[in-house]
């Protein structure tokens, strides 16, 4: 089946319809990026949370890209609690759901089960505009598809860096549009080493 060889980005739009496709995607996708509507569906459904943990047990890696409110829903906490300790919140999500977690925001945190979290130094509040999170999820899926399954954390770190750098380098004379972000990301390169 195609899904068993694919890197799938799920949740960038789709609303409640995403919930209906999640059991199939969680079971079959070789590599999976969960964003927005998919994260909200997982937060409200213990069965989907079990299916997410089962992916890791089968060797099917997942990267989740929550903003603080989505992370709070997934953790059953308040957003202020997540923001009060972003490192611990991201690590708790990563360990609890057995997935790489990109906790978006100022100093985005990339956490993976059993590993020390990374903090991304690039980006700004300009990334708070509509569509920029979708750009990150899509870009991450593309980078990860090229890198391979074992590289989920590395693809997340590289993508978050490029995403932030593009916001820093992009046009500063107007609000950041998703299209501007994509164009700038195509030319920004992550540091080596």
C-alpha atoms as a PDB file:
ATOM      1  CA  UNK A   1       0.000   0.000   0.000  1.00  0.00           C
ATOM      2  CA  UNK A   2       1.146   3.515  -0.811  1.00  0.00           C
ATOM      3  CA  UNK A   3       0.748   4.784   2.777  1.00  0.00           C
ATOM      4  CA  UNK A   4       3.224   2.175   3.997  1.00  0.00           C
ATOM      5  CA  UNK A   5       5.950   3.880   1.947  1.00  0.00           C
ATOM      6  CA  UNK A   6       4.823   7.488   2.383  1.00  0.00           C
ATOM      7  CA  UNK A   7       5.652  10.441   4.576  1.00  0.00           C
ATOM      8  CA  UNK A   8       2.243  11.915   5.403  1.00  0.00           C
ATOM      9  CA  UNK A   9       1.542  15.412   6.719  1.00  0.00           C
ATOM     10  CA  UNK A  10      -1.870  15.375   8.385  1.00  0.00           C
ATOM     11  CA  UNK A  11      -3.925  18.123   9.990  1.00  0.00           C
ATOM     12  CA  UNK A  12      -3.113  21.272   8.019  1.00  0.00           C
ATOM     13  CA  UNK A  13      -6.764  22.124   7.560  1.00  0.00           C
ATOM     14  CA  UNK A  14      -9.566  19.637   7.203  1.00  0.00           C
ATOM     15  CA  UNK A  15     -11.323  20.364  10.474  1.00  0.00           C
ATOM     16  CA  UNK A  16     -13.258  17.498  11.975  1.00  0.00           C
ATOM     17  CA  UNK A  17     -12.933  15.439   8.771  1.00  0.00           C
ATOM     18  CA  UNK A  18      -9.313  14.766   9.765  1.00  0.00           C
ATOM     19  CA  UNK A  19     -10.541  12.688  12.724  1.00  0.00           C
ATOM     20  CA  UNK A  20     -12.151  10.157  10.364  1.00  0.00           C
ATOM     21  CA  UNK A  21      -8.907   9.536   8.450  1.00  0.00           C
ATOM     22  CA  UNK A  22      -6.597   9.420  11.468  1.00  0.00           C
ATOM     23  CA  UNK A  23      -7.033   5.735  12.416  1.00  0.00           C
ATOM     24  CA  UNK A  24      -5.943   4.663   8.915  1.00  0.00           C
ATOM     25  CA  UNK A  25      -3.100   7.179   8.715  1.00  0.00           C
ATOM     26  CA  UNK A  26      -1.848   6.336  12.219  1.00  0.00           C
ATOM     27  CA  UNK A  27      -1.830   2.624  11.417  1.00  0.00           C
ATOM     28  CA  UNK A  28      -0.326   2.686   7.920  1.00  0.00           C
ATOM     29  CA  UNK A  29       1.806   5.806   7.238  1.00  0.00           C
ATOM     30  CA  UNK A  30       5.509   5.029   7.192  1.00  0.00           C
ATOM     31  CA  UNK A  31       6.413   8.478   8.544  1.00  0.00           C
ATOM     32  CA  UNK A  32       3.851  10.916   9.909  1.00  0.00           C
ATOM     33  CA  UNK A  33       3.784  14.639  10.693  1.00  0.00           C
ATOM     34  CA  UNK A  34       0.777  15.668  12.798  1.00  0.00           C
ATOM     35  CA  UNK A  35      -0.282  19.311  12.942  1.00  0.00           C
ATOM     36  CA  UNK A  36      -3.266  21.481  13.940  1.00  0.00           C
ATOM     37  CA  UNK A  37      -6.575  19.642  13.385  1.00  0.00           C
ATOM     38  CA  UNK A  38      -4.896  16.241  13.740  1.00  0.00           C
ATOM     39  CA  UNK A  39      -3.360  17.257  17.072  1.00  0.00           C
ATOM     40  CA  UNK A  40      -6.709  18.488  18.353  1.00  0.00           C
ATOM     41  CA  UNK A  41      -8.334  15.202  17.344  1.00  0.00           C
ATOM     42  CA  UNK A  42      -5.624  13.182  19.124  1.00  0.00           C
ATOM     43  CA  UNK A  43      -5.929  15.373  22.241  1.00  0.00           C
ATOM     44  CA  UNK A  44      -9.594  14.532  22.593  1.00  0.00           C
ATOM     45  CA  UNK A  45      -9.464  10.792  21.861  1.00  0.00           C
ATOM     46  CA  UNK A  46      -7.726   8.208  24.073  1.00  0.00           C
ATOM     47  CA  UNK A  47      -7.998   5.627  21.269  1.00  0.00           C
ATOM     48  CA  UNK A  48      -6.062   7.857  18.873  1.00  0.00           C
ATOM     49  CA  UNK A  49      -3.445   8.428  21.579  1.00  0.00           C
ATOM     50  CA  UNK A  50      -3.027   4.656  21.965  1.00  0.00           C
ATOM     51  CA  UNK A  51      -2.763   4.321  18.173  1.00  0.00           C
ATOM     52  CA  UNK A  52      -0.058   7.006  18.149  1.00  0.00           C
ATOM     53  CA  UNK A  53       1.986   5.180  20.802  1.00  0.00           C
ATOM     54  CA  UNK A  54       1.495   1.897  18.914  1.00  0.00           C
ATOM     55  CA  UNK A  55       3.138   3.478  15.837  1.00  0.00           C
ATOM     56  CA  UNK A  56       6.390   3.847  17.750  1.00  0.00           C
ATOM     57  CA  UNK A  57       6.188   0.237  18.945  1.00  0.00           C
ATOM     58  CA  UNK A  58       5.903  -0.834  15.277  1.00  0.00           C
ATOM     59  CA  UNK A  59       8.872   1.337  14.264  1.00  0.00           C
ATOM     60  CA  UNK A  60       6.725   3.963  12.496  1.00  0.00           C
ATOM     61  CA  UNK A  61       8.060   7.387  13.564  1.00  0.00           C
ATOM     62  CA  UNK A  62       5.897  10.461  14.120  1.00  0.00           C
ATOM     63  CA  UNK A  63       6.683  14.166  14.451  1.00  0.00           C
ATOM     64  CA  UNK A  64       4.094  16.424  16.101  1.00  0.00           C
ATOM     65  CA  UNK A  65       4.136  20.227  15.659  1.00  0.00           C
ATOM     66  CA  UNK A  66       1.904  21.766  18.365  1.00  0.00           C
ATOM     67  CA  UNK A  67       1.734  25.407  19.348  1.00  0.00           C
ATOM     68  CA  UNK A  68       1.359  25.961  23.125  1.00  0.00           C
ATOM     69  CA  UNK A  69      -2.465  25.732  23.161  1.00  0.00           C
ATOM     70  CA  UNK A  70      -2.404  22.440  21.206  1.00  0.00           C
ATOM     71  CA  UNK A  71       0.321  21.124  23.532  1.00  0.00           C
ATOM     72  CA  UNK A  72      -1.802  22.077  26.543  1.00  0.00           C
ATOM     73  CA  UNK A  73      -4.767  20.161  25.117  1.00  0.00           C
ATOM     74  CA  UNK A  74      -2.579  17.106  24.492  1.00  0.00           C
ATOM     75  CA  UNK A  75      -1.193  17.259  28.034  1.00  0.00           C
ATOM     76  CA  UNK A  76      -4.527  18.063  29.708  1.00  0.00           C
ATOM     77  CA  UNK A  77      -3.064  21.272  31.150  1.00  0.00           C
ATOM     78  CA  UNK A  78      -3.456  25.011  30.806  1.00  0.00           C
ATOM     79  CA  UNK A  79      -1.447  26.923  28.186  1.00  0.00           C
ATOM     80  CA  UNK A  80       0.219  28.951  30.964  1.00  0.00           C
ATOM     81  CA  UNK A  81       1.528  25.693  32.491  1.00  0.00           C
ATOM     82  CA  UNK A  82       3.053  24.677  29.153  1.00  0.00           C
ATOM     83  CA  UNK A  83       4.650  28.090  28.704  1.00  0.00           C
ATOM     84  CA  UNK A  84       5.995  28.084  32.279  1.00  0.00           C
ATOM     85  CA  UNK A  85       8.236  25.094  31.471  1.00  0.00           C
ATOM     86  CA  UNK A  86       8.439  24.602  27.719  1.00  0.00           C
ATOM     87  CA  UNK A  87      11.311  22.104  27.908  1.00  0.00           C
ATOM     88  CA  UNK A  88       9.527  19.814  30.370  1.00  0.00           C
ATOM     89  CA  UNK A  89       6.219  20.142  28.493  1.00  0.00           C
ATOM     90  CA  UNK A  90       7.768  19.176  25.162  1.00  0.00           C
ATOM     91  CA  UNK A  91       9.666  16.281  26.736  1.00  0.00           C
ATOM     92  CA  UNK A  92       6.552  15.069  28.542  1.00  0.00           C
ATOM     93  CA  UNK A  93       4.643  15.003  25.252  1.00  0.00           C
ATOM     94  CA  UNK A  94       7.483  13.252  23.438  1.00  0.00           C
ATOM     95  CA  UNK A  95       7.861  10.589  26.119  1.00  0.00           C
ATOM     96  CA  UNK A  96       4.130  10.146  26.694  1.00  0.00           C
ATOM     97  CA  UNK A  97       3.136   9.807  23.034  1.00  0.00           C
ATOM     98  CA  UNK A  98       6.430   8.310  21.801  1.00  0.00           C
ATOM     99  CA  UNK A  99       6.914  10.923  19.080  1.00  0.00           C
ATOM    100  CA  UNK A 100       9.248  13.760  18.205  1.00  0.00           C
ATOM    101  CA  UNK A 101       7.604  17.003  19.345  1.00  0.00           C
ATOM    102  CA  UNK A 102       8.212  20.487  17.964  1.00  0.00           C
ATOM    103  CA  UNK A 103       6.715  22.851  20.542  1.00  0.00           C
ATOM    104  CA  UNK A 104       6.395  25.987  18.456  1.00  0.00           C
ATOM    105  CA  UNK A 105       6.910  29.466  19.840  1.00  0.00           C
ATOM    106  CA  UNK A 106       9.746  31.725  20.863  1.00  0.00           C
ATOM    107  CA  UNK A 107      12.673  29.337  21.123  1.00  0.00           C
ATOM    108  CA  UNK A 108      10.859  26.378  19.569  1.00  0.00           C
ATOM    109  CA  UNK A 109      11.693  23.186  21.456  1.00  0.00           C
ATOM    110  CA  UNK A 110      12.392  19.933  19.631  1.00  0.00           C
ATOM    111  CA  UNK A 111      12.026  16.930  21.948  1.00  0.00           C
ATOM    112  CA  UNK A 112      12.326  13.210  21.261  1.00  0.00           C
ATOM    113  CA  UNK A 113      11.687  10.269  23.583  1.00  0.00           C
ATOM    114  CA  UNK A 114      14.675   9.674  25.833  1.00  0.00           C
ATOM    115  CA  UNK A 115      16.822  12.425  24.277  1.00  0.00           C
ATOM    116  CA  UNK A 116      17.892  15.877  25.434  1.00  0.00           C
ATOM    117  CA  UNK A 117      15.627  18.532  23.885  1.00  0.00           C
ATOM    118  CA  UNK A 118      17.006  21.104  21.450  1.00  0.00           C
ATOM    119  CA  UNK A 119      16.072  24.792  21.419  1.00  0.00           C
ATOM    120  CA  UNK A 120      15.911  26.547  18.065  1.00  0.00           C
ATOM    121  CA  UNK A 121      17.606  29.981  17.993  1.00  0.00           C
ATOM    122  CA  UNK A 122      15.919  31.365  14.857  1.00  0.00           C
ATOM    123  CA  UNK A 123      12.528  32.957  14.298  1.00  0.00           C
ATOM    124  CA  UNK A 124      10.394  35.696  15.736  1.00  0.00           C
ATOM    125  CA  UNK A 125       6.823  36.681  16.497  1.00  0.00           C
ATOM    126  CA  UNK A 126       6.370  37.178  12.734  1.00  0.00           C
ATOM    127  CA  UNK A 127       5.752  33.413  12.586  1.00  0.00           C
ATOM    128  CA  UNK A 128       2.467  33.921  14.436  1.00  0.00           C
ATOM    129  CA  UNK A 129       0.626  34.767  11.206  1.00  0.00           C
ATOM    130  CA  UNK A 130      -1.866  32.440   9.545  1.00  0.00           C
ATOM    131  CA  UNK A 131      -0.437  29.664   7.410  1.00  0.00           C
ATOM    132  CA  UNK A 132       3.125  29.749   8.730  1.00  0.00           C
ATOM    133  CA  UNK A 133       2.616  26.640  10.886  1.00  0.00           C
ATOM    134  CA  UNK A 134       1.247  24.803   7.846  1.00  0.00           C
ATOM    135  CA  UNK A 135       4.398  25.806   5.959  1.00  0.00           C
ATOM    136  CA  UNK A 136       6.547  24.317   8.723  1.00  0.00           C
ATOM    137  CA  UNK A 137       4.608  21.032   8.785  1.00  0.00           C
ATOM    138  CA  UNK A 138       4.727  20.673   5.001  1.00  0.00           C
ATOM    139  CA  UNK A 139       8.401  21.607   4.780  1.00  0.00           C
ATOM    140  CA  UNK A 140       9.266  19.171   7.569  1.00  0.00           C
ATOM    141  CA  UNK A 141       7.410  16.393   5.750  1.00  0.00           C
ATOM    142  CA  UNK A 142       9.361  17.074   2.568  1.00  0.00           C
ATOM    143  CA  UNK A 143      12.739  17.219   4.318  1.00  0.00           C
ATOM    144  CA  UNK A 144      11.953  14.050   6.259  1.00  0.00           C
ATOM    145  CA  UNK A 145      10.805  12.175   3.148  1.00  0.00           C
ATOM    146  CA  UNK A 146      14.194  12.895   1.605  1.00  0.00           C
ATOM    147  CA  UNK A 147      16.192  12.068   4.756  1.00  0.00           C
ATOM    148  CA  UNK A 148      14.593   8.750   5.736  1.00  0.00           C
ATOM    149  CA  UNK A 149      12.732   7.345   8.715  1.00  0.00           C
ATOM    150  CA  UNK A 150      15.624   7.351  11.166  1.00  0.00           C
ATOM    151  CA  UNK A 151      16.059  11.082  10.702  1.00  0.00           C
ATOM    152  CA  UNK A 152      12.782  12.442  12.174  1.00  0.00           C
ATOM    153  CA  UNK A 153      14.422  14.497  14.932  1.00  0.00           C
ATOM    154  CA  UNK A 154      17.113  15.769  12.579  1.00  0.00           C
ATOM    155  CA  UNK A 155      14.551  16.712   9.913  1.00  0.00           C
ATOM    156  CA  UNK A 156      12.546  18.535  12.577  1.00  0.00           C
ATOM    157  CA  UNK A 157      15.593  20.481  13.826  1.00  0.00           C
ATOM    158  CA  UNK A 158      16.671  21.452  10.297  1.00  0.00           C
ATOM    159  CA  UNK A 159      13.147  22.446   9.261  1.00  0.00           C
ATOM    160  CA  UNK A 160      12.490  24.530  12.372  1.00  0.00           C
ATOM    161  CA  UNK A 161      15.839  26.298  11.882  1.00  0.00           C
ATOM    162  CA  UNK A 162      15.066  27.068   8.215  1.00  0.00           C
ATOM    163  CA  UNK A 163      11.543  28.197   9.088  1.00  0.00           C
ATOM    164  CA  UNK A 164      12.830  30.623  11.723  1.00  0.00           C
ATOM    165  CA  UNK A 165      15.724  31.844   9.588  1.00  0.00           C
ATOM    166  CA  UNK A 166      13.336  32.575   6.728  1.00  0.00           C
ATOM    167  CA  UNK A 167      11.196  34.709   9.046  1.00  0.00           C
ATOM    168  CA  UNK A 168      14.322  36.558  10.181  1.00  0.00           C
ATOM    169  CA  UNK A 169      15.573  37.080   6.617  1.00  0.00           C
ATOM    170  CA  UNK A 170      12.278  37.637   4.805  1.00  0.00           C
ATOM    171  CA  UNK A 171      10.744  40.990   3.879  1.00  0.00           C
ATOM    172  CA  UNK A 172      10.543  43.124   7.029  1.00  0.00           C
ATOM    173  CA  UNK A 173       8.478  45.957   5.536  1.00  0.00           C
ATOM    174  CA  UNK A 174       5.157  44.086   5.658  1.00  0.00           C
ATOM    175  CA  UNK A 175       3.464  41.259   7.569  1.00  0.00           C
ATOM    176  CA  UNK A 176       4.928  37.843   6.855  1.00  0.00           C
ATOM    177  CA  UNK A 177       2.861  35.829   4.377  1.00  0.00           C
ATOM    178  CA  UNK A 178       3.154  32.077   4.044  1.00  0.00           C
ATOM    179  CA  UNK A 179       4.169  32.510   0.385  1.00  0.00           C
ATOM    180  CA  UNK A 180       7.048  34.831   1.388  1.00  0.00           C
ATOM    181  CA  UNK A 181       8.139  32.303   3.982  1.00  0.00           C
ATOM    182  CA  UNK A 182       8.266  29.440   1.481  1.00  0.00           C
ATOM    183  CA  UNK A 183      10.255  31.493  -1.003  1.00  0.00           C
ATOM    184  CA  UNK A 184      12.806  32.505   1.609  1.00  0.00           C
ATOM    185  CA  UNK A 185      13.032  28.968   3.054  1.00  0.00           C
ATOM    186  CA  UNK A 186      13.988  27.664  -0.350  1.00  0.00           C
ATOM    187  CA  UNK A 187      17.190  29.721  -0.183  1.00  0.00           C
ATOM    188  CA  UNK A 188      18.002  29.556   3.572  1.00  0.00           C
ATOM    189  CA  UNK A 189      20.395  26.805   4.582  1.00  0.00           C
ATOM    190  CA  UNK A 190      20.751  25.237   8.008  1.00  0.00           C
ATOM    191  CA  UNK A 191      24.178  25.449   9.662  1.00  0.00           C
ATOM    192  CA  UNK A 192      26.377  22.396   9.238  1.00  0.00           C
ATOM    193  CA  UNK A 193      27.628  20.391  12.183  1.00  0.00           C
END
